[in-house]
Amino acid sequence: METINLLYCFDKNYNFQAFSSIISFLDQSDSELNIYIIHQNLADLENIPKNILSHKNLKTLEKYQFGEFTSLFPNLENAHISEATYYRLFISSILPKTVKNLLYIDCDVICVNTPNKIIHDAFKDLNTSDFIISAKTEFFKKNYGEEVFKRLNLKSQHYFNAGVMLIDLIKWNQKEIQVLSKDIIENSKLKFTYWDQDILNIIFDGNYLHLTEALNYKVSPSKNDQQLDTSNIYFLHFQGSNKPWSVEGALSTNSNFYQSNFKKLNIDNYHIVHKWKKYSLIVFFQNFIPLIKNKNINLIRYTFTLLKSLSRND
């Protein structure tokens, strides 16, 4: 079978998230993978963990620094994402022309089962179709309402989530998606609430191959969630602003799918990111007693990591 090509786009604030996702794919894969990274600054990407670089399933790892314009990227102020979300729109001028099929993965996606066969089958369906991409439908117009469709002037009845996206790069280049994207960014008066995902939905407007939910299964961490049965799931996508590395999200039962992969990197027991340290303390003490009552076995490690991270000056 053809080697799967994975694409990640991120900056230094998402290094650990990307590494955790990458190690999950390498561990779950039953064959070698090519990994392509488009980064804001390669000087900030010198700390790739050794167990990624030496992994038996890593065939190649190619790194590229994004060199296109950045000041025009819309709707980034106070957002939980960075400008790197727009980088994939410019893959035509960055990635090697030898790459034919590309699996784009958001940094908040974790692989939980061996995906090689289902990915190969999905690419076969995509390559033999007239479609350029395959993605999971996020919502239908009849169920979600017309706001998004009116805002983006969409004619179709469905809108896709771009967190996991299979790309036929030959067709992508022929369609000149990069040129179309740049034109929309520079000239459109529309409001892009969901950033590059909105732009991609404008370009394709329902003209995509529908991807099974098993390859982009939505997870929203909460402290009261139940252990997820992943026997029929391949990719978990931690969508939304409450992430498994946030103070609240790390308390979620299902955050363990992310945290267990982060732990493999030998950086720390937990990955915790603080938006505001005083708020983090409040959240921690609000949940400390319930965690003890529930006999949460990860409480000590979580507590130690949180307090240690709060003591840093960064």
Protein backbone atom coordinates (compact mmCIF):
# COMPACT_ATOMS: atom_id res chain seq x y z
CA MET A 1 0.00 0.00 0.00
CA GLU A 2 1.05 3.59 -0.60
CA THR A 3 2.71 5.34 2.35
CA ILE A 4 0.31 7.69 4.14
CA ASN A 5 1.37 11.35 4.12
CA LEU A 6 0.33 13.35 7.20
CA LEU A 7 0.28 17.15 7.30
CA TYR A 8 0.39 19.33 10.43
CA CYS A 9 0.35 23.14 10.53
CA PHE A 10 1.16 24.86 13.84
CA ASP A 11 3.31 27.32 15.78
CA LYS A 12 5.32 27.07 19.00
CA ASN A 13 2.18 27.31 21.15
CA TYR A 14 0.98 24.00 19.72
CA ASN A 15 4.26 22.08 19.61
CA PHE A 16 3.32 19.71 22.44
CA GLN A 17 -0.18 19.14 21.04
CA ALA A 18 1.23 18.31 17.62
CA PHE A 19 3.87 15.99 19.08
CA SER A 20 1.18 14.17 21.08
CA SER A 21 -0.92 13.72 17.95
CA ILE A 22 2.06 12.55 15.91
CA ILE A 23 3.14 9.93 18.45
CA SER A 24 -0.42 8.58 18.57
CA PHE A 25 -0.40 8.07 14.80
CA LEU A 26 3.05 6.51 14.76
CA ASP A 27 2.12 4.09 17.55
CA GLN A 28 -1.20 3.07 16.00
CA SER A 29 0.02 2.75 12.41
CA ASP A 30 0.86 -0.69 11.04
CA SER A 31 3.27 0.76 8.45
CA GLU A 32 5.62 3.68 7.93
CA LEU A 33 4.32 7.25 7.65
CA ASN A 34 5.60 10.41 5.97
CA ILE A 35 5.02 13.47 8.15
CA TYR A 36 5.06 17.02 6.81
CA ILE A 37 5.10 20.00 9.17
CA ILE A 38 4.48 23.62 8.19
CA HIS A 39 5.57 25.79 11.10
CA GLN A 40 5.59 29.49 11.87
CA ASN A 41 9.28 29.44 12.85
CA LEU A 42 11.55 26.41 12.51
CA ALA A 43 13.81 27.81 15.22
CA ASP A 44 10.98 26.97 17.63
CA LEU A 45 10.83 23.39 16.37
CA GLU A 46 14.21 22.12 17.49
CA ASN A 47 12.84 20.06 20.39
CA ILE A 48 11.05 17.26 18.53
CA PRO A 49 11.08 14.32 20.97
CA LYS A 50 13.56 11.56 20.25
CA ASN A 51 10.92 8.84 20.38
CA ILE A 52 9.25 10.51 17.40
CA LEU A 53 12.44 10.96 15.39
CA SER A 54 13.58 7.39 16.07
CA HIS A 55 10.16 5.74 15.76
CA LYS A 56 10.09 2.57 13.67
CA ASN A 57 7.05 3.84 11.76
CA LEU A 58 8.53 7.20 10.80
CA LYS A 59 9.71 7.06 7.21
CA THR A 60 10.38 10.76 6.71
CA LEU A 61 9.72 13.97 8.61
CA GLU A 62 9.93 17.15 6.53
CA LYS A 63 9.73 20.63 8.09
CA TYR A 64 8.86 23.87 6.31
CA GLN A 65 8.70 27.42 7.57
CA PHE A 66 5.71 29.38 6.37
CA GLY A 67 6.84 32.29 4.24
CA GLU A 68 3.64 33.80 2.88
CA PHE A 69 1.89 36.94 4.13
CA THR A 70 0.42 36.74 7.61
CA SER A 71 -0.96 40.18 8.44
CA LEU A 72 -4.10 39.65 6.37
CA PHE A 73 -5.30 36.47 8.04
CA PRO A 74 -8.75 37.33 9.43
CA ASN A 75 -10.40 36.89 12.83
CA LEU A 76 -7.39 35.87 14.91
CA GLU A 77 -7.63 38.43 17.71
CA ASN A 78 -8.53 36.73 21.02
CA ALA A 79 -9.01 33.41 19.21
CA HIS A 80 -8.04 30.03 20.69
CA ILE A 81 -6.24 29.19 17.46
CA SER A 82 -3.25 30.79 15.72
CA GLU A 83 -2.47 31.99 12.21
CA ALA A 84 -1.07 28.53 11.48
CA THR A 85 -4.60 27.30 10.81
CA TYR A 86 -4.40 29.18 7.49
CA TYR A 87 -1.11 27.60 6.38
CA ARG A 88 -2.69 24.57 4.72
CA LEU A 89 -4.35 26.83 2.18
CA PHE A 90 -0.87 27.39 0.73
CA ILE A 91 0.41 23.82 0.48
CA SER A 92 0.70 24.02 -3.31
CA SER A 93 3.76 26.26 -3.05
CA ILE A 94 5.26 24.51 -0.03
CA LEU A 95 5.02 20.72 -0.31
CA PRO A 96 6.93 18.59 -2.85
CA LYS A 97 5.15 17.99 -6.15
CA THR A 98 5.71 14.26 -5.64
CA VAL A 99 3.06 14.20 -2.90
CA LYS A 100 -0.20 13.01 -4.44
CA ASN A 101 -2.41 12.19 -1.45
CA LEU A 102 -2.32 14.13 1.80
CA LEU A 103 -4.04 13.56 5.14
CA TYR A 104 -4.37 16.86 6.99
CA ILE A 105 -4.66 16.51 10.77
CA ASP A 106 -5.42 19.20 13.36
CA CYS A 107 -3.11 19.19 16.38
CA ASP A 108 -6.04 18.33 18.66
CA VAL A 109 -6.67 14.99 16.92
CA ILE A 110 -5.55 11.73 18.54
CA CYS A 111 -5.37 8.39 16.75
CA VAL A 112 -6.81 5.58 18.89
CA ASN A 113 -6.91 2.59 16.50
CA THR A 114 -4.96 1.34 13.49
CA PRO A 115 -6.21 3.51 10.61
CA ASN A 116 -4.17 2.38 7.62
CA LYS A 117 -6.73 0.27 5.78
CA ILE A 118 -9.65 2.65 6.22
CA ILE A 119 -7.45 5.59 5.14
CA HIS A 120 -6.24 3.75 2.06
CA ASP A 121 -9.81 2.81 1.16
CA ALA A 122 -10.95 6.41 1.68
CA PHE A 123 -8.19 7.71 -0.60
CA LYS A 124 -9.11 5.13 -3.22
CA ASP A 125 -12.69 6.39 -3.18
CA LEU A 126 -11.48 9.99 -3.37
CA ASN A 127 -9.01 9.39 -6.19
CA THR A 128 -11.58 7.62 -8.36
CA SER A 129 -14.17 10.35 -7.82
CA ASP A 130 -14.43 13.89 -9.16
CA PHE A 131 -13.98 15.33 -5.67
CA ILE A 132 -10.83 17.07 -4.44
CA ILE A 133 -11.26 16.52 -0.71
CA SER A 134 -13.00 14.21 1.71
CA ALA A 135 -14.23 15.62 5.03
CA LYS A 136 -16.85 14.99 7.71
CA THR A 137 -20.05 16.99 7.48
CA GLU A 138 -20.28 19.22 10.54
CA PHE A 139 -23.92 20.17 10.10
CA PHE A 140 -26.75 20.37 7.61
CA LYS A 141 -28.62 23.56 6.81
CA LYS A 142 -31.98 22.06 7.72
CA ASN A 143 -30.75 21.02 11.18
CA TYR A 144 -28.40 23.83 12.10
CA GLY A 145 -30.19 26.84 10.70
CA GLU A 146 -29.29 29.24 7.95
CA GLU A 147 -26.87 31.63 9.74
CA VAL A 148 -23.63 30.06 8.51
CA PHE A 149 -24.97 29.46 5.02
CA LYS A 150 -26.20 33.04 4.67
CA ARG A 151 -23.02 34.48 6.17
CA LEU A 152 -20.83 32.63 3.65
CA ASN A 153 -23.28 32.79 0.73
CA LEU A 154 -23.30 28.99 0.46
CA LYS A 155 -25.65 27.35 -2.03
CA SER A 156 -25.27 23.81 -0.69
CA GLN A 157 -27.08 22.21 2.22
CA HIS A 158 -24.07 21.01 4.23
CA TYR A 159 -20.93 22.42 5.85
CA PHE A 160 -17.84 20.31 6.64
CA ASN A 161 -15.36 20.20 9.49
CA ALA A 162 -11.80 20.64 8.25
CA GLY A 163 -9.99 19.19 11.29
CA VAL A 164 -9.40 15.95 9.39
CA MET A 165 -9.24 16.25 5.65
CA LEU A 166 -8.17 13.88 2.89
CA ILE A 167 -6.73 15.83 -0.03
CA ASP A 168 -6.15 14.70 -3.60
CA LEU A 169 -3.24 17.09 -4.09
CA ILE A 170 -3.14 16.68 -7.87
CA LYS A 171 -6.73 17.86 -8.19
CA TRP A 172 -6.15 20.50 -5.49
CA ASN A 173 -3.32 22.02 -7.53
CA GLN A 174 -5.28 21.81 -10.76
CA LYS A 175 -8.16 23.69 -9.12
CA GLU A 176 -5.65 26.28 -7.84
CA ILE A 177 -7.05 26.23 -4.30
CA GLN A 178 -4.15 28.38 -3.10
CA VAL A 179 -4.98 31.14 -5.59
CA LEU A 180 -8.68 30.99 -4.74
CA SER A 181 -7.94 31.10 -1.01
CA LYS A 182 -5.63 34.08 -1.28
CA ASP A 183 -8.18 35.95 -3.35
CA ILE A 184 -10.91 35.34 -0.77
CA ILE A 185 -8.66 36.44 2.11
CA GLU A 186 -7.60 39.62 0.34
CA ASN A 187 -10.86 40.66 -1.25
CA SER A 188 -13.86 39.09 0.48
CA LYS A 189 -16.05 41.21 2.75
CA LEU A 190 -17.49 38.14 4.44
CA LYS A 191 -17.02 37.37 8.14
CA PHE A 192 -14.92 34.25 8.76
CA THR A 193 -16.07 32.97 12.14
CA TYR A 194 -14.39 29.60 11.67
CA TRP A 195 -11.26 30.90 9.96
CA ASP A 196 -9.81 28.83 7.11
CA GLN A 197 -12.58 26.26 7.53
CA ASP A 198 -15.06 28.92 6.37
CA ILE A 199 -12.81 29.73 3.41
CA LEU A 200 -12.60 26.06 2.39
CA ASN A 201 -16.37 25.73 2.66
CA ILE A 202 -16.79 28.76 0.42
CA ILE A 203 -14.49 27.23 -2.18
CA PHE A 204 -16.01 23.76 -2.18
CA ASP A 205 -19.60 24.71 -1.19
CA GLY A 206 -20.78 21.16 -0.54
CA ASN A 207 -18.71 19.66 -3.34
CA TYR A 208 -16.75 17.16 -1.25
CA LEU A 209 -16.76 13.44 -0.47
CA HIS A 210 -18.37 12.73 2.88
CA LEU A 211 -15.96 11.23 5.42
CA THR A 212 -17.07 8.72 8.03
CA GLU A 213 -17.42 10.07 11.58
CA ALA A 214 -15.04 7.33 12.75
CA LEU A 215 -12.20 9.37 11.19
CA ASN A 216 -13.22 12.61 12.87
CA TYR A 217 -15.11 11.84 16.06
CA LYS A 218 -15.96 14.94 18.07
CA VAL A 219 -15.02 15.00 21.75
CA SER A 220 -15.73 17.91 24.08
CA PRO A 221 -14.00 17.32 27.45
CA SER A 222 -16.02 17.95 30.60
CA LYS A 223 -15.51 16.85 34.19
CA ASN A 224 -18.71 14.78 34.14
CA ASP A 225 -18.14 12.87 30.93
CA GLN A 226 -18.19 9.08 30.71
CA GLN A 227 -15.39 6.89 29.41
CA LEU A 228 -15.72 6.81 25.63
CA ASP A 229 -15.92 3.46 23.84
CA THR A 230 -13.38 3.83 21.00
CA SER A 231 -13.65 0.32 19.56
CA ASN A 232 -15.18 1.68 16.34
CA ILE A 233 -13.38 5.04 16.29
CA TYR A 234 -10.04 5.87 14.68
CA PHE A 235 -9.51 9.60 15.25
CA LEU A 236 -10.70 11.58 18.28
CA HIS A 237 -11.04 15.29 17.59
CA PHE A 238 -11.04 17.51 20.68
CA GLN A 239 -13.09 20.30 19.15
CA GLY A 240 -13.97 23.62 20.72
CA SER A 241 -12.18 25.88 23.18
CA ASN A 242 -12.18 23.45 26.14
CA LYS A 243 -9.19 21.26 25.37
CA PRO A 244 -7.72 18.25 27.21
CA TRP A 245 -4.67 20.36 28.10
CA SER A 246 -6.75 23.15 29.68
CA VAL A 247 -7.16 23.14 33.46
CA GLU A 248 -10.82 22.10 33.17
CA GLY A 249 -10.27 19.73 30.25
CA ALA A 250 -7.45 17.85 31.95
CA LEU A 251 -9.95 16.79 34.62
CA SER A 252 -12.07 15.05 32.00
CA THR A 253 -12.07 11.27 31.86
CA ASN A 254 -11.62 11.35 28.10
CA SER A 255 -8.71 13.78 28.27
CA ASN A 256 -6.65 10.68 29.06
CA PHE A 257 -6.63 9.82 25.34
CA TYR A 258 -4.59 12.98 24.83
CA GLN A 259 -2.66 13.03 28.12
CA SER A 260 -1.49 9.42 27.78
CA ASN A 261 0.09 10.24 24.43
CA PHE A 262 1.63 13.42 25.80
CA LYS A 263 3.18 11.38 28.60
CA LYS A 264 4.94 9.19 26.02
CA LEU A 265 7.01 12.23 25.02
CA ASN A 266 8.80 12.14 28.41
CA ILE A 267 8.25 15.86 28.96
CA ASP A 268 5.95 15.73 31.99
CA ASN A 269 3.15 13.66 33.51
CA TYR A 270 0.47 16.10 32.37
CA HIS A 271 0.22 18.84 29.81
CA ILE A 272 -1.58 21.83 31.33
CA VAL A 273 -1.88 25.25 29.71
CA HIS A 274 -3.04 28.25 31.73
CA LYS A 275 -5.02 31.10 30.24
CA TRP A 276 -4.98 32.89 33.59
CA LYS A 277 -3.19 31.38 36.59
CA LYS A 278 -5.54 32.78 39.25
CA TYR A 279 -8.46 31.26 37.40
CA SER A 280 -6.59 27.96 37.19
CA LEU A 281 -6.26 27.89 40.99
CA ILE A 282 -9.96 28.57 41.39
CA VAL A 283 -10.87 25.73 39.02
CA PHE A 284 -8.46 23.38 40.76
CA PHE A 285 -9.81 23.98 44.27
CA GLN A 286 -13.39 23.75 43.02
CA ASN A 287 -12.66 20.24 41.76
CA PHE A 288 -10.20 18.97 44.37
CA ILE A 289 -12.75 17.49 46.79
CA PRO A 290 -14.87 15.83 44.05
CA LEU A 291 -11.74 14.21 42.66
CA ILE A 292 -10.87 12.77 46.07
CA LYS A 293 -14.41 11.47 46.56
CA ASN A 294 -14.33 9.82 43.15
CA LYS A 295 -10.92 8.29 43.96
CA ASN A 296 -9.42 9.66 40.77
CA ILE A 297 -6.13 7.78 40.39
CA ASN A 298 -4.58 10.57 38.36
CA LEU A 299 -5.23 13.20 41.03
CA ILE A 300 -1.73 13.23 42.52
CA ARG A 301 0.03 13.51 39.16
CA TYR A 302 -2.42 16.15 37.99
CA THR A 303 -2.05 18.15 41.21
CA PHE A 304 1.75 18.03 41.13
CA THR A 305 1.94 19.07 37.48
CA LEU A 306 -0.61 21.88 37.89
CA LEU A 307 1.12 23.35 40.94
CA LYS A 308 4.52 23.05 39.29
CA SER A 309 3.27 24.80 36.15
CA LEU A 310 1.69 27.56 38.25
CA SER A 311 5.03 28.21 39.92
CA ARG A 312 6.75 28.96 36.61
CA ASN A 313 7.15 32.52 35.44
CA ASP A 314 6.13 31.83 31.81
